[in-house]
């Protein structure tokens, strides 16, 4: 299993998205919506831990590979 696709704390996921150029736009219920300058939208559930499958979905929405995401976690 790739370290980038392991369960991660919400804070690490949000920090990595911000490094990738995404900004928080709004929150609806327990989901935060982030958007970048190109208009790409990523929805992140506000749970203490982001599970592996959910993280894979977030990376697809963001257009990031696991390797790129791993570099953003540093």
N, C-alpha and C. Protein backbone atom coordinates (compact mmCIF):
# COMPACT_ATOMS: atom_id res chain seq x y z
N UNK A 1 0.85 -1.18 0.00
CA UNK A 1 0.00 0.00 0.00
C UNK A 1 0.89 1.24 0.00
N UNK A 2 0.54 2.19 -0.82
CA UNK A 2 1.28 3.43 -0.90
C UNK A 2 1.01 4.28 0.34
N UNK A 3 2.04 4.92 0.90
CA UNK A 3 1.81 5.77 2.07
C UNK A 3 0.84 6.91 1.77
N UNK A 4 0.79 7.37 0.53
CA UNK A 4 -0.11 8.46 0.18
C UNK A 4 -1.56 8.00 0.22
N UNK A 5 -1.79 6.70 0.08
CA UNK A 5 -3.15 6.21 0.08
C UNK A 5 -3.49 5.43 1.35
N UNK A 6 -2.86 5.81 2.44
CA UNK A 6 -3.22 5.26 3.74
C UNK A 6 -4.18 6.24 4.40
N UNK A 7 -4.84 5.82 5.47
CA UNK A 7 -5.70 6.73 6.21
C UNK A 7 -4.84 7.88 6.74
N UNK A 8 -5.34 9.10 6.59
CA UNK A 8 -4.59 10.28 7.03
C UNK A 8 -5.48 11.19 7.86
N UNK A 9 -4.88 11.94 8.78
CA UNK A 9 -5.65 12.94 9.52
C UNK A 9 -6.17 14.03 8.57
N UNK A 10 -7.33 14.54 8.86
CA UNK A 10 -7.95 15.58 8.03
C UNK A 10 -7.03 16.77 7.83
N UNK A 11 -6.35 17.21 8.87
CA UNK A 11 -5.48 18.40 8.79
C UNK A 11 -4.40 18.22 7.73
N UNK A 12 -3.80 17.02 7.65
CA UNK A 12 -2.75 16.79 6.65
C UNK A 12 -3.30 16.87 5.23
N UNK A 13 -4.49 16.34 5.03
CA UNK A 13 -5.11 16.36 3.70
C UNK A 13 -5.41 17.80 3.29
N UNK A 14 -5.98 18.58 4.20
CA UNK A 14 -6.34 19.97 3.91
C UNK A 14 -5.07 20.79 3.65
N UNK A 15 -4.04 20.60 4.46
CA UNK A 15 -2.79 21.34 4.26
C UNK A 15 -2.17 21.02 2.90
N UNK A 16 -2.21 19.76 2.49
CA UNK A 16 -1.65 19.37 1.19
C UNK A 16 -2.46 19.99 0.06
N UNK A 17 -3.79 20.04 0.19
CA UNK A 17 -4.61 20.67 -0.85
C UNK A 17 -4.31 22.16 -0.95
N UNK A 18 -4.10 22.80 0.18
CA UNK A 18 -3.77 24.24 0.16
C UNK A 18 -2.43 24.47 -0.52
N UNK A 19 -1.45 23.58 -0.27
CA UNK A 19 -0.16 23.69 -0.94
C UNK A 19 -0.31 23.52 -2.45
N UNK A 20 -1.31 22.72 -2.86
CA UNK A 20 -1.54 22.46 -4.29
C UNK A 20 -2.33 23.59 -4.94
N UNK A 21 -2.69 24.62 -4.17
CA UNK A 21 -3.36 25.78 -4.75
C UNK A 21 -4.86 25.82 -4.55
N UNK A 22 -5.39 24.96 -3.70
CA UNK A 22 -6.83 24.95 -3.44
C UNK A 22 -7.14 25.83 -2.25
N UNK A 23 -8.27 26.52 -2.31
CA UNK A 23 -8.70 27.39 -1.22
C UNK A 23 -10.10 26.96 -0.78
N UNK A 24 -10.37 27.09 0.51
CA UNK A 24 -11.69 26.74 1.04
C UNK A 24 -12.71 27.73 0.51
N UNK A 25 -13.79 27.22 -0.08
CA UNK A 25 -14.84 28.06 -0.66
C UNK A 25 -16.05 28.11 0.26
N UNK A 26 -16.49 26.94 0.71
CA UNK A 26 -17.67 26.88 1.57
C UNK A 26 -17.72 25.54 2.28
N UNK A 27 -18.60 25.47 3.28
CA UNK A 27 -18.86 24.21 3.96
C UNK A 27 -20.35 24.00 3.97
N UNK A 28 -20.75 22.79 3.63
CA UNK A 28 -22.17 22.44 3.66
C UNK A 28 -22.29 21.15 4.45
N UNK A 29 -22.94 21.24 5.59
CA UNK A 29 -23.03 20.07 6.45
C UNK A 29 -21.66 19.68 6.94
N UNK A 30 -21.27 18.44 6.72
CA UNK A 30 -19.96 17.97 7.17
C UNK A 30 -18.97 17.84 6.02
N UNK A 31 -19.20 18.59 4.94
CA UNK A 31 -18.30 18.54 3.78
C UNK A 31 -17.80 19.93 3.44
N UNK A 32 -16.48 20.06 3.32
CA UNK A 32 -15.87 21.32 2.93
C UNK A 32 -15.58 21.26 1.43
N UNK A 33 -15.77 22.39 0.76
CA UNK A 33 -15.55 22.48 -0.68
C UNK A 33 -14.34 23.38 -0.92
N UNK A 34 -13.37 22.86 -1.67
CA UNK A 34 -12.16 23.60 -2.02
C UNK A 34 -12.14 23.79 -3.53
N UNK A 35 -11.57 24.93 -3.97
CA UNK A 35 -11.49 25.21 -5.41
C UNK A 35 -10.14 25.83 -5.71
N UNK A 36 -9.59 25.52 -6.89
CA UNK A 36 -8.33 26.14 -7.29
C UNK A 36 -8.59 27.19 -8.36
N UNK A 37 -7.54 27.84 -8.84
CA UNK A 37 -7.66 28.93 -9.81
C UNK A 37 -8.24 28.46 -11.14
N UNK A 38 -8.05 27.20 -11.48
CA UNK A 38 -8.59 26.65 -12.74
C UNK A 38 -10.07 26.32 -12.64
N UNK A 39 -10.63 26.39 -11.44
CA UNK A 39 -12.03 26.09 -11.24
C UNK A 39 -12.29 24.66 -10.82
N UNK A 40 -11.24 23.87 -10.64
CA UNK A 40 -11.39 22.48 -10.20
C UNK A 40 -11.91 22.47 -8.76
N UNK A 41 -12.90 21.64 -8.49
CA UNK A 41 -13.53 21.58 -7.18
C UNK A 41 -13.25 20.23 -6.52
N UNK A 42 -12.94 20.29 -5.22
CA UNK A 42 -12.69 19.08 -4.42
C UNK A 42 -13.57 19.16 -3.18
N UNK A 43 -14.29 18.08 -2.90
CA UNK A 43 -15.14 17.99 -1.71
C UNK A 43 -14.46 17.08 -0.70
N UNK A 44 -14.28 17.60 0.52
CA UNK A 44 -13.58 16.86 1.57
C UNK A 44 -14.51 16.70 2.78
N UNK A 45 -14.81 15.45 3.18
CA UNK A 45 -15.63 15.25 4.38
C UNK A 45 -14.85 15.68 5.62
N UNK A 46 -15.52 16.30 6.54
CA UNK A 46 -14.88 16.83 7.74
C UNK A 46 -14.92 15.81 8.88
N UNK A 47 -14.26 14.67 8.67
CA UNK A 47 -14.15 13.64 9.68
C UNK A 47 -12.72 13.67 10.21
N UNK A 48 -12.49 13.22 11.43
CA UNK A 48 -11.13 13.29 11.98
C UNK A 48 -10.09 12.58 11.13
N UNK A 49 -10.47 11.47 10.51
CA UNK A 49 -9.56 10.70 9.66
C UNK A 49 -10.19 10.52 8.28
N UNK A 50 -9.39 10.78 7.25
CA UNK A 50 -9.85 10.55 5.88
C UNK A 50 -9.39 9.15 5.49
N UNK A 51 -10.35 8.30 5.19
CA UNK A 51 -10.04 6.91 4.86
C UNK A 51 -9.40 6.79 3.48
N UNK A 52 -8.79 5.66 3.24
CA UNK A 52 -8.02 5.40 2.02
C UNK A 52 -8.83 5.59 0.73
N UNK A 53 -10.03 5.03 0.67
CA UNK A 53 -10.85 5.16 -0.53
C UNK A 53 -11.32 6.58 -0.75
N UNK A 54 -11.65 7.28 0.33
CA UNK A 54 -12.06 8.68 0.23
C UNK A 54 -10.90 9.53 -0.24
N UNK A 55 -9.71 9.24 0.25
CA UNK A 55 -8.51 9.98 -0.17
C UNK A 55 -8.26 9.78 -1.66
N UNK A 56 -8.46 8.57 -2.16
CA UNK A 56 -8.28 8.30 -3.59
C UNK A 56 -9.26 9.15 -4.40
N UNK A 57 -10.49 9.29 -3.93
CA UNK A 57 -11.49 10.12 -4.61
C UNK A 57 -11.08 11.59 -4.59
N UNK A 58 -10.56 12.04 -3.47
CA UNK A 58 -10.11 13.44 -3.35
C UNK A 58 -8.98 13.71 -4.34
N UNK A 59 -8.06 12.76 -4.46
CA UNK A 59 -6.94 12.94 -5.39
C UNK A 59 -7.43 12.98 -6.84
N UNK A 60 -8.42 12.15 -7.19
CA UNK A 60 -8.99 12.19 -8.55
C UNK A 60 -9.64 13.54 -8.81
N UNK A 61 -10.41 14.03 -7.85
CA UNK A 61 -11.07 15.33 -8.01
C UNK A 61 -10.04 16.45 -8.18
N UNK A 62 -8.94 16.35 -7.43
CA UNK A 62 -7.91 17.39 -7.47
C UNK A 62 -7.00 17.25 -8.69
N UNK A 63 -7.04 16.10 -9.35
CA UNK A 63 -6.16 15.88 -10.50
C UNK A 63 -4.73 15.62 -10.08
N UNK A 64 -4.54 15.02 -8.91
CA UNK A 64 -3.21 14.74 -8.39
C UNK A 64 -2.94 13.24 -8.40
N UNK A 65 -1.71 12.88 -8.65
CA UNK A 65 -1.30 11.48 -8.54
C UNK A 65 -0.90 11.23 -7.08
N UNK A 66 -0.90 9.97 -6.65
CA UNK A 66 -0.44 9.69 -5.29
C UNK A 66 0.99 10.19 -5.03
N UNK A 67 1.85 10.12 -6.03
CA UNK A 67 3.23 10.59 -5.87
C UNK A 67 3.28 12.11 -5.67
N UNK A 68 2.47 12.84 -6.43
CA UNK A 68 2.42 14.30 -6.27
C UNK A 68 1.88 14.65 -4.89
N UNK A 69 0.85 13.93 -4.46
CA UNK A 69 0.26 14.19 -3.15
C UNK A 69 1.26 13.90 -2.05
N UNK A 70 2.04 12.84 -2.18
CA UNK A 70 3.05 12.49 -1.20
C UNK A 70 4.07 13.61 -1.03
N UNK A 71 4.46 14.23 -2.14
CA UNK A 71 5.39 15.36 -2.07
C UNK A 71 4.76 16.56 -1.35
N UNK A 72 3.46 16.76 -1.51
CA UNK A 72 2.79 17.88 -0.85
C UNK A 72 2.65 17.65 0.65
N UNK A 73 2.72 16.42 1.09
CA UNK A 73 2.59 16.11 2.52
C UNK A 73 3.85 16.50 3.30
N UNK A 74 4.95 16.71 2.63
CA UNK A 74 6.21 17.04 3.30
C UNK A 74 6.20 18.43 3.85
